[in-house]
C-alpha atoms as a PDB file:
ATOM      1  CA  MET A   1     -17.401   1.774  -7.569  1.00  0.00           C
ATOM      2  CA  THR A   2     -18.853   4.977  -9.018  1.00  0.00           C
ATOM      3  CA  ASP A   3     -17.674   8.533  -8.338  1.00  0.00           C
ATOM      4  CA  ARG A   4     -20.782   8.971  -6.239  1.00  0.00           C
ATOM      5  CA  ASP A   5     -19.780   6.000  -4.092  1.00  0.00           C
ATOM      6  CA  GLN A   6     -16.364   7.656  -3.579  1.00  0.00           C
ATOM      7  CA  GLU A   7     -17.995  10.782  -2.112  1.00  0.00           C
ATOM      8  CA  LEU A   8     -18.798  11.131   1.572  1.00  0.00           C
ATOM      9  CA  ARG A   9     -22.460  11.095   2.462  1.00  0.00           C
ATOM     10  CA  PRO A  10     -24.164  14.092   4.139  1.00  0.00           C
ATOM     11  CA  GLY A  11     -22.805  14.594   7.621  1.00  0.00           C
ATOM     12  CA  GLU A  12     -19.741  12.422   7.091  1.00  0.00           C
ATOM     13  CA  GLU A  13     -17.489  15.352   6.111  1.00  0.00           C
ATOM     14  CA  ASP A  14     -18.327  17.195   9.359  1.00  0.00           C
ATOM     15  CA  ALA A  15     -17.593  14.083  11.372  1.00  0.00           C
ATOM     16  CA  LEU A  16     -14.339  13.545   9.482  1.00  0.00           C
ATOM     17  CA  GLN A  17     -13.140  17.102  10.124  1.00  0.00           C
ATOM     18  CA  ALA A  18     -13.994  16.706  13.807  1.00  0.00           C
ATOM     19  CA  LEU A  19     -11.890  13.549  13.867  1.00  0.00           C
ATOM     20  CA  LEU A  20      -8.948  15.326  12.312  1.00  0.00           C
ATOM     21  CA  ARG A  21      -9.222  18.174  14.811  1.00  0.00           C
ATOM     22  CA  GLU A  22      -9.223  15.670  17.631  1.00  0.00           C
ATOM     23  CA  MET A  23      -6.075  13.962  16.378  1.00  0.00           C
ATOM     24  CA  ALA A  24      -4.234  17.071  15.116  1.00  0.00           C
ATOM     25  CA  PRO A  25      -0.689  17.731  16.391  1.00  0.00           C
ATOM     26  CA  GLU A  26       0.198  20.850  18.343  1.00  0.00           C
ATOM     27  CA  ALA A  27       1.893  22.303  15.263  1.00  0.00           C
ATOM     28  CA  GLU A  28      -0.554  22.811  12.410  1.00  0.00           C
ATOM     29  CA  PRO A  29       0.667  20.929   9.320  1.00  0.00           C
ATOM     30  CA  PRO A  30       0.765  22.626   5.915  1.00  0.00           C
ATOM     31  CA  PRO A  31      -2.646  22.711   4.139  1.00  0.00           C
ATOM     32  CA  GLU A  32      -1.536  20.347   1.380  1.00  0.00           C
ATOM     33  CA  VAL A  33      -0.333  17.780   3.932  1.00  0.00           C
ATOM     34  CA  ARG A  34      -3.522  18.042   5.976  1.00  0.00           C
ATOM     35  CA  GLU A  35      -5.562  17.477   2.808  1.00  0.00           C
ATOM     36  CA  ARG A  36      -3.614  14.302   2.050  1.00  0.00           C
ATOM     37  CA  VAL A  37      -4.351  13.089   5.586  1.00  0.00           C
ATOM     38  CA  ARG A  38      -8.054  13.919   5.135  1.00  0.00           C
ATOM     39  CA  GLN A  39      -8.186  11.932   1.914  1.00  0.00           C
ATOM     40  CA  ALA A  40      -6.461   8.958   3.529  1.00  0.00           C
ATOM     41  CA  VAL A  41      -8.878   8.939   6.482  1.00  0.00           C
ATOM     42  CA  ALA A  42     -11.842   9.371   4.124  1.00  0.00           C
ATOM     43  CA  ALA A  43     -10.732   6.331   2.136  1.00  0.00           C
ATOM     44  CA  GLU A  44     -10.405   4.273   5.314  1.00  0.00           C
ATOM     45  CA  TRP A  45     -13.806   5.579   6.402  1.00  0.00           C
ATOM     46  CA  ARG A  46     -15.492   4.399   3.193  1.00  0.00           C
ATOM     47  CA  MET A  47     -13.859   0.990   3.380  1.00  0.00           C
ATOM     48  CA  ALA A  48     -14.934   0.521   6.988  1.00  0.00           C
ATOM     49  CA  VAL A  49     -18.532   1.568   6.263  1.00  0.00           C
ATOM     50  CA  ALA A  50     -18.685  -0.784   3.272  1.00  0.00           C
ATOM     51  CA  GLU A  51     -17.377  -3.648   5.387  1.00  0.00           C
ATOM     52  CA  ALA A  52     -19.917  -2.906   8.117  1.00  0.00           C
ATOM     53  CA  ALA A  53     -22.717  -2.869   5.535  1.00  0.00           C
ATOM     54  CA  ARG A  54     -21.724  -6.318   4.268  1.00  0.00           C
ATOM     55  CA  ARG A  55     -21.566  -7.743   7.791  1.00  0.00           C
ATOM     56  CA  PRO A  56     -24.250  -6.048   9.944  1.00  0.00           C
ATOM     57  CA  GLU A  57     -24.387  -6.985  13.612  1.00  0.00           C
ATOM     58  CA  PRO A  58     -27.082  -9.602  14.378  1.00  0.00           C
ATOM     59  CA  GLY A  59     -30.402  -8.152  15.486  1.00  0.00           C
ATOM     60  CA  ARG A  60     -29.374  -4.589  14.633  1.00  0.00           C
ATOM     61  CA  ALA A  61     -30.599  -2.602  11.615  1.00  0.00           C
ATOM     62  CA  ARG A  62     -28.134  -0.733   9.380  1.00  0.00           C
ATOM     63  CA  ARG A  63     -27.751   2.865  10.496  1.00  0.00           C
ATOM     64  CA  GLY A  64     -26.620   4.464   7.244  1.00  0.00           C
ATOM     65  CA  TRP A  65     -23.230   6.136   7.348  1.00  0.00           C
ATOM     66  CA  GLN A  66     -22.729   5.880  11.142  1.00  0.00           C
ATOM     67  CA  ARG A  67     -19.641   3.756  11.627  1.00  0.00           C
ATOM     68  CA  PRO A  68     -19.196   0.886  14.066  1.00  0.00           C
ATOM     69  CA  ALA A  69     -16.404   1.071  16.644  1.00  0.00           C
ATOM     70  CA  MET A  70     -14.001  -0.900  14.479  1.00  0.00           C
ATOM     71  CA  ALA A  71     -14.327   1.598  11.610  1.00  0.00           C
ATOM     72  CA  LEU A  72     -13.761   4.478  14.001  1.00  0.00           C
ATOM     73  CA  ALA A  73     -10.623   2.842  15.378  1.00  0.00           C
ATOM     74  CA  ALA A  74      -9.253   2.221  11.889  1.00  0.00           C
ATOM     75  CA  SER A  75      -9.735   5.840  10.831  1.00  0.00           C
ATOM     76  CA  LEU A  76      -8.238   7.103  14.074  1.00  0.00           C
ATOM     77  CA  ALA A  77      -5.195   4.923  13.454  1.00  0.00           C
ATOM     78  CA  VAL A  78      -4.750   6.324   9.944  1.00  0.00           C
ATOM     79  CA  ALA A  79      -5.022   9.900  11.202  1.00  0.00           C
ATOM     80  CA  ALA A  80      -2.679   9.270  14.120  1.00  0.00           C
ATOM     81  CA  VAL A  81      -0.018   7.690  11.931  1.00  0.00           C
ATOM     82  CA  ALA A  82      -0.299  10.332   9.194  1.00  0.00           C
ATOM     83  CA  LEU A  83      -0.196  13.278  11.573  1.00  0.00           C
ATOM     84  CA  GLY A  84       2.439  11.577  13.691  1.00  0.00           C
ATOM     85  CA  VAL A  85       4.706  11.451  10.656  1.00  0.00           C
ATOM     86  CA  ILE A  86       4.279  15.204  10.293  1.00  0.00           C
ATOM     87  CA  GLN A  87       5.219  15.731  13.940  1.00  0.00           C
ATOM     88  CA  SER A  88       8.206  13.404  13.916  1.00  0.00           C
ATOM     89  CA  ARG A  89       9.675  14.538  10.614  1.00  0.00           C
ATOM     90  CA  PRO A  90      13.148  15.890  11.456  1.00  0.00           C
ATOM     91  CA  PRO A  91      14.057  19.408  10.350  1.00  0.00           C
ATOM     92  CA  ALA A  92      16.226  19.724   7.259  1.00  0.00           C
ATOM     93  CA  THR A  93      19.951  19.583   8.038  1.00  0.00           C
ATOM     94  CA  PRO A  94      21.611  22.960   7.322  1.00  0.00           C
ATOM     95  CA  VAL A  95      24.111  22.911   4.456  1.00  0.00           C
ATOM     96  CA  MET A  96      27.351  24.391   5.788  1.00  0.00           C
ATOM     97  CA  VAL A  97      29.212  26.314   3.091  1.00  0.00           C
ATOM     98  CA  ALA A  98      31.670  28.601   4.890  1.00  0.00           C
ATOM     99  CA  LYS A  99      33.808  28.917   7.995  1.00  0.00           C
ATOM    100  CA  ILE A 100      35.008  32.138   9.588  1.00  0.00           C
ATOM    101  CA  THR A 101      38.787  32.046   9.772  1.00  0.00           C
ATOM    102  CA  ARG A 102      39.585  35.581  10.923  1.00  0.00           C
ATOM    103  CA  LEU A 103      37.762  38.619  12.275  1.00  0.00           C
ATOM    104  CA  GLY A 104      38.694  42.270  12.551  1.00  0.00           C
ATOM    105  CA  GLY A 105      36.053  44.241  14.442  1.00  0.00           C
ATOM    106  CA  PRO A 106      32.301  43.652  14.868  1.00  0.00           C
ATOM    107  CA  VAL A 107      30.661  41.181  12.477  1.00  0.00           C
ATOM    108  CA  GLU A 108      27.178  39.676  12.791  1.00  0.00           C
ATOM    109  CA  ALA A 109      25.340  36.789  11.140  1.00  0.00           C
ATOM    110  CA  GLY A 110      21.621  36.152  10.835  1.00  0.00           C
ATOM    111  CA  GLY A 111      18.741  37.652   8.921  1.00  0.00           C
ATOM    112  CA  ALA A 112      15.134  38.841   9.229  1.00  0.00           C
ATOM    113  CA  GLY A 113      15.995  41.064  12.182  1.00  0.00           C
ATOM    114  CA  ASN A 114      17.711  38.265  14.131  1.00  0.00           C
ATOM    115  CA  TRP A 115      21.429  39.066  14.223  1.00  0.00           C
ATOM    116  CA  GLN A 116      24.133  37.598  16.454  1.00  0.00           C
ATOM    117  CA  PRO A 117      27.877  38.337  16.757  1.00  0.00           C
ATOM    118  CA  VAL A 118      30.064  35.717  15.104  1.00  0.00           C
ATOM    119  CA  THR A 119      33.293  34.156  16.322  1.00  0.00           C
ATOM    120  CA  ALA A 120      36.392  32.839  14.561  1.00  0.00           C
ATOM    121  CA  GLY A 121      35.947  29.166  13.725  1.00  0.00           C
ATOM    122  CA  GLN A 122      32.164  29.444  13.381  1.00  0.00           C
ATOM    123  CA  SER A 123      30.542  27.596  10.466  1.00  0.00           C
ATOM    124  CA  LEU A 124      27.876  29.238   8.302  1.00  0.00           C
ATOM    125  CA  ALA A 125      25.025  27.640   6.366  1.00  0.00           C
ATOM    126  CA  VAL A 126      23.277  28.354   3.099  1.00  0.00           C
ATOM    127  CA  GLY A 127      20.750  31.126   3.630  1.00  0.00           C
ATOM    128  CA  GLN A 128      22.652  32.986   6.343  1.00  0.00           C
ATOM    129  CA  GLU A 129      23.681  36.608   5.941  1.00  0.00           C
ATOM    130  CA  LEU A 130      26.764  38.431   7.204  1.00  0.00           C
ATOM    131  CA  VAL A 131      27.066  42.119   8.061  1.00  0.00           C
ATOM    132  CA  THR A 132      30.272  43.959   8.935  1.00  0.00           C
ATOM    133  CA  GLY A 133      30.151  47.252  10.813  1.00  0.00           C
ATOM    134  CA  PRO A 134      32.125  50.451  10.168  1.00  0.00           C
ATOM    135  CA  GLU A 135      35.146  48.822  11.850  1.00  0.00           C
ATOM    136  CA  GLY A 136      34.417  45.204  10.991  1.00  0.00           C
ATOM    137  CA  LYS A 137      36.141  42.886   8.519  1.00  0.00           C
ATOM    138  CA  ALA A 138      36.097  39.117   8.110  1.00  0.00           C
ATOM    139  CA  ALA A 139      37.751  36.237   6.252  1.00  0.00           C
ATOM    140  CA  LEU A 140      35.814  33.104   5.269  1.00  0.00           C
ATOM    141  CA  LYS A 141      36.960  29.741   4.006  1.00  0.00           C
ATOM    142  CA  LEU A 142      34.689  28.371   1.294  1.00  0.00           C
ATOM    143  CA  ARG A 143      34.879  25.041  -0.505  1.00  0.00           C
ATOM    144  CA  ARG A 144      38.003  23.633  -2.176  1.00  0.00           C
ATOM    145  CA  GLY A 145      40.465  26.198  -0.897  1.00  0.00           C
ATOM    146  CA  VAL A 146      38.570  29.315  -1.995  1.00  0.00           C
ATOM    147  CA  THR A 147      38.656  32.184   0.509  1.00  0.00           C
ATOM    148  CA  LEU A 148      36.524  35.304   0.770  1.00  0.00           C
ATOM    149  CA  ARG A 149      37.253  38.523   2.662  1.00  0.00           C
ATOM    150  CA  LEU A 150      34.699  41.147   3.633  1.00  0.00           C
ATOM    151  CA  ASP A 151      35.523  44.835   3.944  1.00  0.00           C
ATOM    152  CA  THR A 152      33.859  47.243   6.367  1.00  0.00           C
ATOM    153  CA  ASP A 153      30.165  48.164   5.893  1.00  0.00           C
ATOM    154  CA  THR A 154      29.496  45.047   3.843  1.00  0.00           C
ATOM    155  CA  ARG A 155      26.380  42.884   3.707  1.00  0.00           C
ATOM    156  CA  ILE A 156      26.305  39.527   1.930  1.00  0.00           C
ATOM    157  CA  ALA A 157      24.092  36.448   1.798  1.00  0.00           C
ATOM    158  CA  LEU A 158      25.274  32.865   1.401  1.00  0.00           C
ATOM    159  CA  ALA A 159      22.722  32.263  -1.318  1.00  0.00           C
ATOM    160  CA  GLY A 160      23.915  28.800  -2.335  1.00  0.00           C
ATOM    161  CA  ILE A 161      26.723  26.278  -2.114  1.00  0.00           C
ATOM    162  CA  ASP A 162      28.777  28.278  -4.616  1.00  0.00           C
ATOM    163  CA  ARG A 163      26.880  31.580  -4.728  1.00  0.00           C
ATOM    164  CA  ILE A 164      27.483  34.762  -2.734  1.00  0.00           C
ATOM    165  CA  SER A 165      25.045  37.663  -3.037  1.00  0.00           C
ATOM    166  CA  VAL A 166      26.485  41.116  -2.248  1.00  0.00           C
ATOM    167  CA  GLU A 167      23.972  43.782  -1.259  1.00  0.00           C
ATOM    168  CA  ARG A 168      26.572  46.418  -0.396  1.00  0.00           C
ATOM    169  CA  GLY A 169      30.239  46.803   0.420  1.00  0.00           C
ATOM    170  CA  ALA A 170      33.193  44.840  -0.910  1.00  0.00           C
ATOM    171  CA  VAL A 171      34.339  41.223  -1.019  1.00  0.00           C
ATOM    172  CA  TYR A 172      37.705  39.861  -2.143  1.00  0.00           C
ATOM    173  CA  LEU A 173      37.849  36.332  -3.521  1.00  0.00           C
ATOM    174  CA  ASP A 174      41.042  34.292  -3.721  1.00  0.00           C
ATOM    175  CA  ALA A 175      40.771  30.988  -5.563  1.00  0.00           C
ATOM    176  CA  GLY A 176      44.220  29.866  -4.409  1.00  0.00           C
ATOM    177  CA  SER A 177      47.539  29.597  -6.173  1.00  0.00           C
ATOM    178  CA  GLN A 178      46.416  26.370  -7.873  1.00  0.00           C
ATOM    179  CA  PRO A 179      42.646  26.835  -8.205  1.00  0.00           C
ATOM    180  CA  VAL A 180      40.205  24.160  -9.308  1.00  0.00           C
ATOM    181  CA  LEU A 181      38.198  25.791 -12.071  1.00  0.00           C
ATOM    182  CA  ALA A 182      35.194  23.518 -11.505  1.00  0.00           C
ATOM    183  CA  SER A 183      34.755  25.040  -8.037  1.00  0.00           C
ATOM    184  CA  SER A 184      34.323  28.595  -9.311  1.00  0.00           C
ATOM    185  CA  VAL A 185      32.162  30.667  -7.000  1.00  0.00           C
ATOM    186  CA  GLN A 186      29.572  33.033  -8.414  1.00  0.00           C
ATOM    187  CA  ILE A 187      29.255  36.472  -6.840  1.00  0.00           C
ATOM    188  CA  THR A 188      25.973  38.193  -7.616  1.00  0.00           C
ATOM    189  CA  SER A 189      24.566  41.694  -7.151  1.00  0.00           C
ATOM    190  CA  ALA A 190      21.841  43.885  -8.576  1.00  0.00           C
ATOM    191  CA  PHE A 191      24.300  45.007 -11.288  1.00  0.00           C
ATOM    192  CA  GLY A 192      25.377  41.590 -12.544  1.00  0.00           C
ATOM    193  CA  ASN A 193      27.135  38.313 -11.767  1.00  0.00           C
ATOM    194  CA  THR A 194      30.806  37.350 -11.743  1.00  0.00           C
ATOM    195  CA  ARG A 195      32.537  33.985 -11.906  1.00  0.00           C
ATOM    196  CA  HIS A 196      36.273  33.464 -11.472  1.00  0.00           C
ATOM    197  CA  LEU A 197      38.647  31.427 -13.585  1.00  0.00           C
ATOM    198  CA  GLY A 198      41.575  31.057 -11.230  1.00  0.00           C
ATOM    199  CA  THR A 199      42.015  34.454  -9.700  1.00  0.00           C
ATOM    200  CA  GLN A 200      42.160  37.090  -7.015  1.00  0.00           C
ATOM    201  CA  TYR A 201      39.558  39.790  -7.473  1.00  0.00           C
ATOM    202  CA  GLU A 202      37.326  42.237  -5.671  1.00  0.00           C
ATOM    203  CA  VAL A 203      33.651  43.069  -6.127  1.00  0.00           C
ATOM    204  CA  ARG A 204      32.556  46.381  -4.607  1.00  0.00           C
ATOM    205  CA  VAL A 205      28.875  47.361  -4.662  1.00  0.00           C
ATOM    206  CA  THR A 206      27.476  50.806  -3.932  1.00  0.00           C
ATOM    207  CA  ARG A 207      24.141  52.387  -4.686  1.00  0.00           C
ATOM    208  CA  ASP A 208      25.534  53.873  -7.900  1.00  0.00           C
ATOM    209  CA  GLU A 209      27.757  51.148  -9.347  1.00  0.00           C
ATOM    210  CA  MET A 210      29.536  47.827  -9.109  1.00  0.00           C
ATOM    211  CA  GLN A 211      33.326  47.643  -9.433  1.00  0.00           C
ATOM    212  CA  VAL A 212      35.047  44.419 -10.447  1.00  0.00           C
ATOM    213  CA  SER A 213      38.821  44.699  -9.918  1.00  0.00           C
ATOM    214  CA  VAL A 214      41.040  41.799 -11.013  1.00  0.00           C
ATOM    215  CA  ARG A 215      44.410  41.334  -9.341  1.00  0.00           C
ATOM    216  CA  GLU A 216      45.276  37.934 -10.799  1.00  0.00           C
ATOM    217  CA  GLY A 217      43.742  35.564 -13.339  1.00  0.00           C
ATOM    218  CA  LEU A 218      40.502  36.096 -15.236  1.00  0.00           C
ATOM    219  CA  VAL A 219      36.918  36.975 -14.278  1.00  0.00           C
ATOM    220  CA  GLU A 220      33.761  36.423 -16.311  1.00  0.00           C
ATOM    221  CA  LEU A 221      31.054  39.049 -15.855  1.00  0.00           C
ATOM    222  CA  THR A 222      27.418  38.937 -16.932  1.00  0.00           C
ATOM    223  CA  THR A 223      25.578  42.244 -16.555  1.00  0.00           C
ATOM    224  CA  ALA A 224      21.999  42.509 -15.339  1.00  0.00           C
ATOM    225  CA  ASP A 225      20.832  42.679 -18.977  1.00  0.00           C
ATOM    226  CA  ALA A 226      22.671  39.406 -19.736  1.00  0.00           C
ATOM    227  CA  ARG A 227      25.684  40.872 -21.583  1.00  0.00           C
ATOM    228  CA  PRO A 228      28.785  38.679 -21.085  1.00  0.00           C
ATOM    229  CA  MET A 229      32.293  40.115 -20.850  1.00  0.00           C
ATOM    230  CA  ALA A 230      35.622  39.342 -19.229  1.00  0.00           C
ATOM    231  CA  ALA A 231      38.281  41.170 -17.237  1.00  0.00           C
ATOM    232  CA  LYS A 232      41.895  40.066 -16.852  1.00  0.00           C
ATOM    233  CA  ALA A 233      44.551  40.854 -14.278  1.00  0.00           C
ATOM    234  CA  GLY A 234      45.161  44.606 -13.998  1.00  0.00           C
ATOM    235  CA  GLU A 235      41.674  45.562 -15.204  1.00  0.00           C
ATOM    236  CA  GLN A 236      38.734  47.112 -13.409  1.00  0.00           C
ATOM    237  CA  LEU A 237      35.158  47.180 -14.716  1.00  0.00           C
ATOM    238  CA  LEU A 238      32.638  49.762 -13.517  1.00  0.00           C
ATOM    239  CA  ILE A 239      28.947  49.008 -14.156  1.00  0.00           C
ATOM    240  CA  ASN A 240      26.267  51.618 -13.452  1.00  0.00           C
ATOM    241  CA  PRO A 241      22.483  51.087 -13.025  1.00  0.00           C
ATOM    242  CA  ALA A 242      21.896  51.846 -16.719  1.00  0.00           C
ATOM    243  CA  GLY A 243      24.169  48.944 -17.647  1.00  0.00           C
ATOM    244  CA  THR A 244      26.983  51.123 -18.995  1.00  0.00           C
ATOM    245  CA  VAL A 245      30.386  49.497 -18.522  1.00  0.00           C
ATOM    246  CA  GLU A 246      33.650  51.418 -18.159  1.00  0.00           C
ATOM    247  CA  ARG A 247      36.997  49.642 -18.270  1.00  0.00           C
ATOM    248  CA  ARG A 248      39.976  50.980 -16.287  1.00  0.00           C
ATOM    249  CA  VAL A 249      43.468  49.915 -15.241  1.00  0.00           C
ATOM    250  CA  VAL A 250      44.287  48.892 -11.658  1.00  0.00           C
ATOM    251  CA  ASP A 251      47.791  47.874 -10.562  1.00  0.00           C
ATOM    252  CA  LYS A 252      48.244  44.872  -8.271  1.00  0.00           C
ATOM    253  CA  ARG A 253      50.187  47.115  -5.876  1.00  0.00           C
ATOM    254  CA  ASP A 254      47.609  49.919  -5.891  1.00  0.00           C
ATOM    255  CA  PRO A 255      46.451  51.152  -2.433  1.00  0.00           C
ATOM    256  CA  HIS A 256      43.026  49.943  -3.585  1.00  0.00           C
ATOM    257  CA  TRP A 257      44.016  46.493  -2.247  1.00  0.00           C
ATOM    258  CA  ASN A 258      45.396  47.564   1.134  1.00  0.00           C
ATOM    259  CA  TRP A 259      42.311  46.651   3.155  1.00  0.00           C
ATOM    260  CA  ILE A 260      42.629  42.923   2.460  1.00  0.00           C
ATOM    261  CA  SER A 261      45.785  42.598   4.589  1.00  0.00           C
ATOM    262  CA  ASP A 262      43.737  43.451   7.700  1.00  0.00           C
ATOM    263  CA  VAL A 263      42.010  40.057   7.523  1.00  0.00           C
ATOM    264  CA  THR A 264      44.527  37.855   5.738  1.00  0.00           C
ATOM    265  CA  PRO A 265      43.542  34.210   6.307  1.00  0.00           C
ATOM    266  CA  PRO A 266      45.973  32.419   8.639  1.00  0.00           C
ATOM    267  CA  TYR A 267      49.046  30.904   6.993  1.00  0.00           C
ATOM    268  CA  ALA A 268      50.548  27.910   8.808  1.00  0.00           C
ATOM    269  CA  ILE A 269      54.349  28.192   8.609  1.00  0.00           C
ATOM    270  CA  GLU A 270      55.121  25.171  10.786  1.00  0.00           C
ATOM    271  CA  ASP A 271      57.327  22.710   8.863  1.00  0.00           C
ATOM    272  CA  ARG A 272      57.048  24.769   5.675  1.00  0.00           C
ATOM    273  CA  PRO A 273      60.109  25.873   3.686  1.00  0.00           C
ATOM    274  CA  LEU A 274      60.913  29.573   3.734  1.00  0.00           C
ATOM    275  CA  SER A 275      60.569  29.663  -0.060  1.00  0.00           C
ATOM    276  CA  ASP A 276      56.870  28.689   0.182  1.00  0.00           C
ATOM    277  CA  PHE A 277      56.271  31.390   2.758  1.00  0.00           C
ATOM    278  CA  LEU A 278      57.902  33.999   0.499  1.00  0.00           C
ATOM    279  CA  VAL A 279      55.651  32.970  -2.406  1.00  0.00           C
ATOM    280  CA  TRP A 280      52.629  33.431  -0.127  1.00  0.00           C
ATOM    281  CA  VAL A 281      53.784  36.890   1.000  1.00  0.00           C
ATOM    282  CA  CYS A 282      54.288  38.059  -2.580  1.00  0.00           C
ATOM    283  CA  ARG A 283      50.918  36.740  -3.694  1.00  0.00           C
ATOM    284  CA  GLU A 284      49.186  38.453  -0.786  1.00  0.00           C
ATOM    285  CA  THR A 285      50.904  41.784  -1.436  1.00  0.00           C
ATOM    286  CA  GLY A 286      51.073  41.814  -5.226  1.00  0.00           C
ATOM    287  CA  ARG A 287      54.863  41.647  -5.321  1.00  0.00           C
ATOM    288  CA  GLU A 288      57.146  39.734  -7.657  1.00  0.00           C
ATOM    289  CA  LEU A 289      59.570  37.351  -5.929  1.00  0.00           C
ATOM    290  CA  ALA A 290      63.240  37.310  -7.000  1.00  0.00           C
ATOM    291  CA  PHE A 291      66.488  35.921  -5.599  1.00  0.00           C
ATOM    292  CA  GLY A 292      69.779  37.725  -5.711  1.00  0.00           C
ATOM    293  CA  SER A 293      71.721  34.518  -6.371  1.00  0.00           C
ATOM    294  CA  PRO A 294      71.232  30.768  -6.766  1.00  0.00           C
ATOM    295  CA  GLN A 295      72.780  30.370  -3.304  1.00  0.00           C
ATOM    296  CA  ALA A 296      70.115  32.621  -1.752  1.00  0.00           C
ATOM    297  CA  GLN A 297      67.367  30.617  -3.429  1.00  0.00           C
ATOM    298  CA  ALA A 298      68.834  27.310  -2.277  1.00  0.00           C
ATOM    299  CA  THR A 299      69.106  28.663   1.268  1.00  0.00           C
ATOM    300  CA  ALA A 300      65.461  29.772   1.244  1.00  0.00           C
ATOM    301  CA  GLU A 301      64.366  26.363   0.007  1.00  0.00           C
ATOM    302  CA  GLY A 302      66.385  24.620   2.716  1.00  0.00           C
ATOM    303  CA  ILE A 303      65.161  26.635   5.709  1.00  0.00           C
ATOM    304  CA  ILE A 304      62.238  24.906   7.463  1.00  0.00           C
ATOM    305  CA  LEU A 305      60.126  27.287   9.504  1.00  0.00           C
ATOM    306  CA  ARG A 306      58.749  26.847  13.009  1.00  0.00           C
ATOM    307  CA  GLY A 307      56.233  28.802  15.029  1.00  0.00           C
ATOM    308  CA  SER A 308      53.271  30.888  13.927  1.00  0.00           C
ATOM    309  CA  VAL A 309      52.476  34.177  12.215  1.00  0.00           C
ATOM    310  CA  ALA A 310      48.779  34.120  13.137  1.00  0.00           C
ATOM    311  CA  GLY A 311      47.276  37.590  13.434  1.00  0.00           C
ATOM    312  CA  LEU A 312      50.106  39.321  11.571  1.00  0.00           C
ATOM    313  CA  SER A 313      49.756  41.109   8.261  1.00  0.00           C
ATOM    314  CA  PRO A 314      51.857  39.670   5.405  1.00  0.00           C
ATOM    315  CA  ASP A 315      54.396  42.514   5.716  1.00  0.00           C
ATOM    316  CA  ASP A 316      54.695  42.092   9.483  1.00  0.00           C
ATOM    317  CA  ALA A 317      54.972  38.334   9.089  1.00  0.00           C
ATOM    318  CA  LEU A 318      57.736  38.818   6.508  1.00  0.00           C
ATOM    319  CA  ALA A 319      59.743  41.013   8.843  1.00  0.00           C
ATOM    320  CA  ALA A 320      59.279  38.610  11.774  1.00  0.00           C
ATOM    321  CA  VAL A 321      60.250  35.487   9.844  1.00  0.00           C
ATOM    322  CA  MET A 322      63.200  36.950   7.952  1.00  0.00           C
ATOM    323  CA  SER A 323      64.721  38.235  11.203  1.00  0.00           C
ATOM    324  CA  THR A 324      65.216  34.596  12.252  1.00  0.00           C
ATOM    325  CA  THR A 325      67.158  33.651   9.102  1.00  0.00           C
ATOM    326  CA  ASN A 326      70.565  34.455   7.637  1.00  0.00           C
ATOM    327  CA  LEU A 327      68.930  36.040   4.588  1.00  0.00           C
ATOM    328  CA  ALA A 328      68.066  39.658   3.857  1.00  0.00           C
ATOM    329  CA  TYR A 329      65.452  41.220   1.611  1.00  0.00           C
ATOM    330  CA  THR A 330      64.891  44.431  -0.274  1.00  0.00           C
ATOM    331  CA  GLU A 331      61.935  45.800  -2.171  1.00  0.00           C
ATOM    332  CA  ASP A 332      62.113  47.877  -5.321  1.00  0.00           C
ATOM    333  CA  ASN A 333      59.128  48.846  -7.462  1.00  0.00           C
ATOM    334  CA  GLY A 334      57.016  45.852  -6.457  1.00  0.00           C
ATOM    335  CA  ARG A 335      59.838  43.307  -6.559  1.00  0.00           C
ATOM    336  CA  LEU A 336      60.869  41.496  -3.376  1.00  0.00           C
ATOM    337  CA  THR A 337      64.496  40.359  -3.716  1.00  0.00           C
ATOM    338  CA  ILE A 338      66.008  37.834  -1.330  1.00  0.00           C
ATOM    339  CA  ARG A 339      69.772  37.977  -0.814  1.00  0.00           C
ATOM    340  CA  SER A 340      72.367  36.390   1.385  1.00  0.00           C
ATOM    341  CA  SER A 341      73.062  38.488   4.453  1.00  0.00           C
ATOM    342  CA  ILE A 342      76.410  40.242   4.913  1.00  0.00           C
ATOM    343  CA  ARG A 343      77.505  37.866   7.680  1.00  0.00           C
ATOM    344  CA  GLN A 344      76.593  34.833   5.552  1.00  0.00           C
ATOM    345  CA  ALA A 345      78.580  36.193   2.624  1.00  0.00           C
ATOM    346  CA  ALA A 346      81.531  36.897   4.913  1.00  0.00           C
ATOM    347  CA  ALA A 347      81.408  33.380   6.303  1.00  0.00           C
ATOM    348  CA  ARG A 348      81.822  31.964   2.804  1.00  0.00           C
END
């Protein structure tokens, strides 16, 4: 068959478009899909016309391109099936990448002018955005034990399975006490991108700069002009719009970190030893854990906790839990020391 034979004859294209309009679904398909349907119907049209030409009805002269009823039915079937597939195609399943574990004040999710308040326990999908108000904070659980906290006046987008885009405000990432390096989450902004290597760190974005403050572990940073660098625990990098980078010192007990305790992710103490709880408190507050004696350490390891500290800050949880034990604690220059209480020592 020649290229000319493949083409529709005069008048056939108009008839074909009319057929497609007749069979079109309520929702207009994308242009590229509609063109594929047109081509499929056109092919069926040509085959039906050729078949009719080979087997004309007795006593009736050929009438050029005008199709018999069978050809019309065949083309209608092709169009109906093709367009029906478009109508019945299910929407893509959202990829859930985060779950809200704690809220403090107003927080909304959405985008493109469509914003709705969120609730604790709500799951979030790739493509969604989160905005905290002047009094709002939030904690999210990401994949593989990674958590993310949002400070007030923060706007982020869940740009991918392992990618968070920060437009403004501050986020605090905690990869866990035993992080899986392969699950490192990338935090991006107009100033550059960061990726953690087992860490706790904050990214704060303003109109004038991006601050990357590392509390624990190591963070890789790539500036907007593709310059790689790294920051370790106790360091803070400041990047301005010109790409200039300033390196400072930030202590793990600096007031800079205080906001994160307002939305500490829930810690389940039920059936956990007191020693594990104390490790969690110190990691959340930047303290160093110490025991006044081997006996105090053994006691802490042997006490199994019950109840809940949900909604309490780490310091408040510490005070509440320790009041139920026969141990005491003191703090000196960032060191939390656990000792046997006076009555326990007297009993020995």
